[in-house]
N, C-alpha and C. Protein backbone atom coordinates (compact mmCIF):
# COMPACT_ATOMS: atom_id res chain seq x y z
N MET A 1 -4.83 -101.94 14.32
CA MET A 1 -3.55 -101.48 14.52
C MET A 1 -2.59 -101.64 13.37
N LYS A 2 -2.63 -102.65 12.82
CA LYS A 2 -1.85 -103.10 11.66
C LYS A 2 -1.87 -101.97 10.60
N LYS A 3 -3.12 -101.68 10.61
CA LYS A 3 -3.60 -100.69 9.33
C LYS A 3 -3.08 -99.39 9.65
N ILE A 4 -3.02 -98.95 10.89
CA ILE A 4 -2.39 -97.58 11.12
C ILE A 4 -0.70 -97.57 10.81
N LYS A 5 -0.21 -98.70 11.00
CA LYS A 5 1.11 -98.97 10.99
C LYS A 5 1.50 -98.70 9.59
N ILE A 6 0.77 -99.38 8.80
CA ILE A 6 0.88 -99.30 7.24
C ILE A 6 0.61 -97.85 6.79
N LEU A 7 -0.17 -97.28 7.31
CA LEU A 7 -0.37 -95.91 6.79
C LEU A 7 0.54 -95.02 7.22
N GLN A 8 1.15 -95.20 8.52
CA GLN A 8 2.09 -94.20 8.77
C GLN A 8 3.52 -94.53 7.93
N ALA A 9 3.62 -95.83 7.53
CA ALA A 9 4.91 -96.07 6.78
C ALA A 9 4.58 -95.40 5.38
N LEU A 10 3.31 -95.61 4.78
CA LEU A 10 3.17 -95.02 3.58
C LEU A 10 3.27 -93.55 3.48
N ILE A 11 2.81 -92.82 4.56
CA ILE A 11 2.74 -91.37 4.53
C ILE A 11 4.42 -90.98 4.62
N PHE A 12 5.39 -91.56 5.53
CA PHE A 12 6.34 -91.33 5.62
C PHE A 12 7.08 -91.42 4.27
N THR A 13 6.85 -92.63 3.68
CA THR A 13 7.45 -92.79 2.30
C THR A 13 7.40 -91.99 1.25
N VAL A 14 6.10 -91.44 1.26
CA VAL A 14 5.66 -90.38 0.30
C VAL A 14 6.46 -89.10 0.58
N VAL A 15 6.52 -88.77 1.99
CA VAL A 15 7.24 -87.65 2.25
C VAL A 15 8.48 -87.59 1.69
N LEU A 16 9.32 -88.92 2.10
CA LEU A 16 10.49 -88.86 1.50
C LEU A 16 10.67 -89.07 0.10
N LEU A 17 9.94 -89.62 -0.75
CA LEU A 17 9.86 -89.40 -2.07
C LEU A 17 9.89 -88.20 -2.61
N LEU A 18 8.85 -87.40 -2.08
CA LEU A 18 8.38 -85.87 -2.50
C LEU A 18 9.80 -85.17 -2.17
N SER A 19 10.38 -85.44 -1.06
CA SER A 19 11.81 -84.81 -0.73
C SER A 19 12.95 -84.94 -1.69
N ILE A 20 13.16 -86.29 -2.12
CA ILE A 20 14.06 -86.45 -3.13
C ILE A 20 13.94 -85.93 -4.40
N ILE A 21 12.51 -86.00 -4.83
CA ILE A 21 12.14 -85.28 -6.04
C ILE A 21 12.38 -83.77 -6.09
N SER A 22 11.81 -83.15 -4.76
CA SER A 22 12.22 -81.70 -4.47
C SER A 22 13.63 -81.32 -4.63
N PHE A 23 14.52 -82.18 -4.33
CA PHE A 23 16.15 -81.97 -4.31
C PHE A 23 16.33 -81.63 -5.75
N PHE A 24 15.79 -82.29 -6.62
CA PHE A 24 16.09 -82.22 -7.98
C PHE A 24 15.39 -80.93 -8.83
N VAL A 25 14.09 -80.61 -8.15
CA VAL A 25 13.28 -79.55 -8.72
C VAL A 25 13.31 -78.29 -8.28
N LEU A 26 13.66 -78.02 -6.98
CA LEU A 26 13.52 -76.81 -6.41
C LEU A 26 14.91 -75.89 -6.68
N PRO A 27 14.91 -74.80 -6.82
CA PRO A 27 16.00 -73.89 -6.86
C PRO A 27 17.04 -73.85 -5.71
N ASN A 28 18.35 -73.46 -5.75
CA ASN A 28 19.07 -73.26 -4.54
C ASN A 28 18.46 -72.49 -3.47
N SER A 29 17.56 -71.32 -3.77
CA SER A 29 17.00 -70.57 -2.90
C SER A 29 15.32 -70.87 -2.99
N VAL A 30 14.59 -71.13 -1.99
CA VAL A 30 13.32 -71.71 -2.09
C VAL A 30 12.44 -70.50 -1.57
N ALA A 31 11.51 -69.87 -2.24
CA ALA A 31 10.54 -68.96 -1.81
C ALA A 31 9.65 -69.38 -0.65
N VAL A 32 9.43 -68.61 0.32
CA VAL A 32 8.63 -69.30 1.48
C VAL A 32 7.54 -68.14 1.79
N GLN A 33 7.67 -66.99 1.35
CA GLN A 33 6.74 -65.91 1.62
C GLN A 33 6.54 -65.14 0.42
N TRP A 34 5.34 -64.64 0.12
CA TRP A 34 5.16 -63.87 -1.29
C TRP A 34 4.25 -62.65 -0.84
N ASN A 35 4.60 -61.55 -1.51
CA ASN A 35 3.60 -60.34 -1.30
C ASN A 35 3.21 -60.07 -2.73
N SER A 36 2.65 -58.79 -2.83
CA SER A 36 2.35 -58.27 -4.15
C SER A 36 3.44 -58.22 -5.14
N GLU A 37 4.52 -57.89 -4.63
CA GLU A 37 5.57 -57.91 -5.79
C GLU A 37 6.47 -59.03 -6.04
N GLY A 38 6.01 -60.43 -5.40
CA GLY A 38 6.51 -61.71 -5.68
C GLY A 38 7.19 -62.09 -4.38
N ALA A 39 8.15 -63.11 -4.59
CA ALA A 39 8.48 -63.74 -3.49
C ALA A 39 9.59 -62.47 -2.64
N SER A 40 9.16 -62.84 -1.29
CA SER A 40 9.90 -61.61 -0.33
C SER A 40 10.78 -62.50 0.63
N ASN A 41 10.86 -63.51 0.67
CA ASN A 41 11.61 -64.17 1.93
C ASN A 41 12.00 -65.63 1.13
N HIS A 42 13.43 -66.18 1.42
CA HIS A 42 13.57 -67.32 0.78
C HIS A 42 14.40 -68.31 1.95
N ILE A 43 14.50 -69.42 1.85
CA ILE A 43 15.39 -70.16 2.50
C ILE A 43 16.29 -71.27 1.88
N SER A 44 17.06 -71.80 2.26
CA SER A 44 17.99 -72.72 1.53
C SER A 44 17.17 -73.97 1.24
N LYS A 45 17.81 -74.69 0.04
CA LYS A 45 17.04 -75.70 -0.35
C LYS A 45 17.02 -76.81 0.64
N ALA A 46 18.22 -77.06 1.34
CA ALA A 46 18.40 -77.95 2.31
C ALA A 46 17.21 -77.95 3.35
N ILE A 47 16.97 -76.61 3.91
CA ILE A 47 16.04 -76.55 4.74
C ILE A 47 14.66 -76.75 4.20
N ALA A 48 14.56 -76.35 3.18
CA ALA A 48 13.08 -76.66 2.50
C ALA A 48 12.83 -77.95 2.24
N ILE A 49 13.80 -78.87 2.17
CA ILE A 49 13.67 -80.32 2.07
C ILE A 49 13.41 -80.92 3.39
N SER A 50 14.04 -80.53 4.40
CA SER A 50 14.07 -81.29 5.68
C SER A 50 13.02 -80.55 6.63
N ILE A 51 12.24 -79.64 6.09
CA ILE A 51 11.14 -79.08 7.06
C ILE A 51 9.91 -80.27 6.86
N PRO A 52 9.63 -80.44 5.75
CA PRO A 52 8.33 -81.46 5.68
C PRO A 52 8.80 -82.85 6.36
N VAL A 53 10.01 -83.47 6.18
CA VAL A 53 10.38 -84.77 6.66
C VAL A 53 10.28 -84.64 8.42
N ILE A 54 10.83 -83.47 8.72
CA ILE A 54 10.85 -83.53 10.15
C ILE A 54 9.25 -83.26 10.81
N ILE A 55 8.49 -82.60 10.19
CA ILE A 55 7.13 -82.27 10.51
C ILE A 55 6.50 -83.63 10.51
N SER A 56 6.63 -84.54 9.35
CA SER A 56 5.85 -85.78 9.04
C SER A 56 6.48 -86.98 10.18
N LEU A 57 7.74 -86.68 10.44
CA LEU A 57 8.39 -87.55 11.31
C LEU A 57 7.92 -87.44 12.88
N PHE A 58 7.75 -86.10 13.31
CA PHE A 58 7.00 -85.58 14.42
C PHE A 58 5.62 -86.12 14.88
N GLY A 59 4.95 -85.96 13.45
CA GLY A 59 3.52 -86.44 13.74
C GLY A 59 3.23 -87.87 13.80
N ILE A 60 4.12 -88.74 13.04
CA ILE A 60 4.29 -90.15 13.04
C ILE A 60 4.33 -90.74 14.37
N VAL A 61 5.72 -90.26 15.01
CA VAL A 61 5.95 -90.55 16.41
C VAL A 61 5.24 -90.39 17.34
N SER A 62 4.49 -89.10 17.27
CA SER A 62 3.56 -88.72 18.13
C SER A 62 2.29 -89.68 18.22
N TRP A 63 2.01 -89.75 17.03
CA TRP A 63 0.67 -90.79 16.72
C TRP A 63 1.01 -92.05 17.15
N LYS A 64 2.29 -92.64 17.02
CA LYS A 64 2.38 -94.03 17.56
C LYS A 64 2.56 -94.08 18.94
N TYR A 65 3.04 -92.96 19.58
CA TYR A 65 3.31 -92.99 21.18
C TYR A 65 1.87 -92.63 21.71
N SER A 66 0.98 -91.97 20.98
CA SER A 66 -0.43 -91.69 21.62
C SER A 66 -1.08 -92.88 21.50
N SER A 67 -1.09 -93.61 20.56
CA SER A 67 -1.92 -95.01 20.37
C SER A 67 -1.29 -95.97 21.29
N ILE A 68 0.08 -95.83 21.58
CA ILE A 68 0.61 -96.86 22.71
C ILE A 68 -0.12 -96.65 24.11
N ARG A 69 -0.04 -95.16 24.39
CA ARG A 69 -0.64 -94.66 25.72
C ARG A 69 -1.91 -95.03 25.69
N TYR A 70 -2.83 -95.01 24.79
CA TYR A 70 -4.22 -95.33 24.94
C TYR A 70 -4.42 -96.78 24.89
N ASN A 71 -3.49 -97.72 24.24
CA ASN A 71 -3.87 -99.17 24.38
C ASN A 71 -3.29 -99.67 25.88
N ALA A 72 -2.53 -98.83 26.38
CA ALA A 72 -2.02 -99.08 27.99
C ALA A 72 -3.28 -98.78 28.82
N ASN A 73 -3.83 -97.77 28.61
CA ASN A 73 -5.00 -97.34 29.53
C ASN A 73 -6.21 -97.71 29.04
N ILE A 74 -6.75 -98.72 29.45
CA ILE A 74 -7.97 -99.48 29.28
C ILE A 74 -9.14 -98.53 29.30
N GLU A 75 -9.08 -97.58 30.09
CA GLU A 75 -10.52 -96.80 30.68
C GLU A 75 -10.43 -95.38 29.58
N ALA A 76 -9.35 -95.24 28.73
CA ALA A 76 -9.43 -94.17 27.78
C ALA A 76 -10.58 -94.27 26.95
N SER A 77 -11.18 -93.18 26.47
CA SER A 77 -12.56 -93.43 25.54
C SER A 77 -12.02 -93.57 24.16
N LYS A 78 -12.65 -94.54 23.56
CA LYS A 78 -12.46 -94.99 22.26
C LYS A 78 -12.71 -93.69 21.15
N LYS A 79 -13.45 -92.84 21.62
CA LYS A 79 -14.00 -91.53 20.78
C LYS A 79 -12.48 -90.64 20.92
N LEU A 80 -12.04 -90.66 22.08
CA LEU A 80 -10.74 -89.63 22.29
C LEU A 80 -9.70 -90.28 21.55
N GLN A 81 -9.42 -91.72 21.59
CA GLN A 81 -8.51 -92.27 21.03
C GLN A 81 -8.65 -92.18 19.51
N THR A 82 -9.75 -91.92 19.02
CA THR A 82 -10.05 -91.65 17.49
C THR A 82 -9.64 -90.27 17.02
N ILE A 83 -10.12 -89.25 18.28
CA ILE A 83 -9.86 -87.97 17.68
C ILE A 83 -8.28 -87.68 17.75
N HIS A 84 -7.55 -88.46 18.60
CA HIS A 84 -6.07 -88.07 18.54
C HIS A 84 -5.41 -88.70 17.36
N SER A 85 -5.85 -89.87 16.86
CA SER A 85 -5.46 -90.57 15.76
C SER A 85 -5.73 -89.57 14.45
N VAL A 86 -6.72 -89.04 14.42
CA VAL A 86 -7.01 -88.05 13.34
C VAL A 86 -6.18 -86.74 13.34
N ILE A 87 -6.08 -86.50 14.47
CA ILE A 87 -5.08 -85.11 14.77
C ILE A 87 -3.60 -85.65 14.48
N TRP A 88 -3.20 -86.51 14.76
CA TRP A 88 -1.63 -86.72 14.50
C TRP A 88 -1.62 -87.33 12.77
N GLY A 89 -2.63 -88.02 12.36
CA GLY A 89 -2.38 -88.11 10.98
C GLY A 89 -2.54 -87.00 10.04
N ILE A 90 -3.30 -85.95 10.46
CA ILE A 90 -3.33 -84.74 9.71
C ILE A 90 -2.01 -84.12 9.89
N VAL A 91 -1.38 -83.91 11.00
CA VAL A 91 0.06 -83.54 11.37
C VAL A 91 1.11 -84.21 10.30
N SER A 92 0.86 -85.71 10.40
CA SER A 92 1.72 -86.37 9.54
C SER A 92 1.65 -86.09 8.16
N CYS A 93 0.39 -85.80 7.51
CA CYS A 93 0.14 -85.50 6.23
C CYS A 93 0.59 -84.06 5.93
N THR A 94 0.96 -83.46 6.87
CA THR A 94 1.30 -82.10 6.53
C THR A 94 2.70 -81.95 5.81
N GLY A 95 3.38 -82.78 6.20
CA GLY A 95 4.76 -82.78 5.23
C GLY A 95 4.54 -83.06 3.87
N VAL A 96 3.72 -83.81 3.53
CA VAL A 96 3.24 -84.08 2.13
C VAL A 96 2.69 -82.91 1.46
N ILE A 97 1.82 -82.27 1.97
CA ILE A 97 1.25 -80.83 1.63
C ILE A 97 2.29 -79.73 1.56
N ILE A 98 3.27 -79.72 2.49
CA ILE A 98 4.24 -78.71 2.23
C ILE A 98 5.19 -78.91 1.18
N ASN A 99 5.61 -80.05 0.87
CA ASN A 99 6.46 -80.52 -0.24
C ASN A 99 5.75 -80.16 -1.37
N ILE A 100 4.61 -80.58 -1.58
CA ILE A 100 3.60 -80.02 -2.78
C ILE A 100 3.65 -78.68 -2.91
N ILE A 101 3.37 -77.76 -2.14
CA ILE A 101 3.32 -76.38 -2.24
C ILE A 101 4.77 -75.65 -2.65
N PHE A 102 5.80 -76.41 -1.93
CA PHE A 102 6.97 -75.72 -2.46
C PHE A 102 7.37 -75.94 -3.73
N MET A 103 7.00 -77.11 -4.42
CA MET A 103 7.33 -77.58 -5.68
C MET A 103 6.40 -76.87 -6.68
N ILE A 104 5.14 -76.51 -6.05
CA ILE A 104 4.19 -75.66 -7.16
C ILE A 104 4.64 -74.28 -7.02
N MET A 105 4.92 -73.62 -5.81
CA MET A 105 5.35 -72.09 -5.87
C MET A 105 6.52 -71.76 -6.26
N ASN A 106 7.73 -72.66 -6.49
CA ASN A 106 8.75 -72.36 -6.97
C ASN A 106 9.14 -72.99 -8.35
């Protein structure tokens, strides 16, 4: 359980650091949709920076409460608990991936 808390803190720290770096790297209008002619849809930098943080925070909080729920329910399957941890871990890491994509594509 302590390893999961450290992993969650690490994921959130990486997302925050990438968001701070993105603030200085990204232009004021960030492209989020591309077609054959180039960027076709843009959002503001503030929204582009906050989206990955919100997604990761949602994943980490859901991951935490999912594990609390399974620890309270002794009858819960260990396999089901592992599956939920993997799913919420992937959702938490999505913020890191989105930040990197924004920086690469803009």
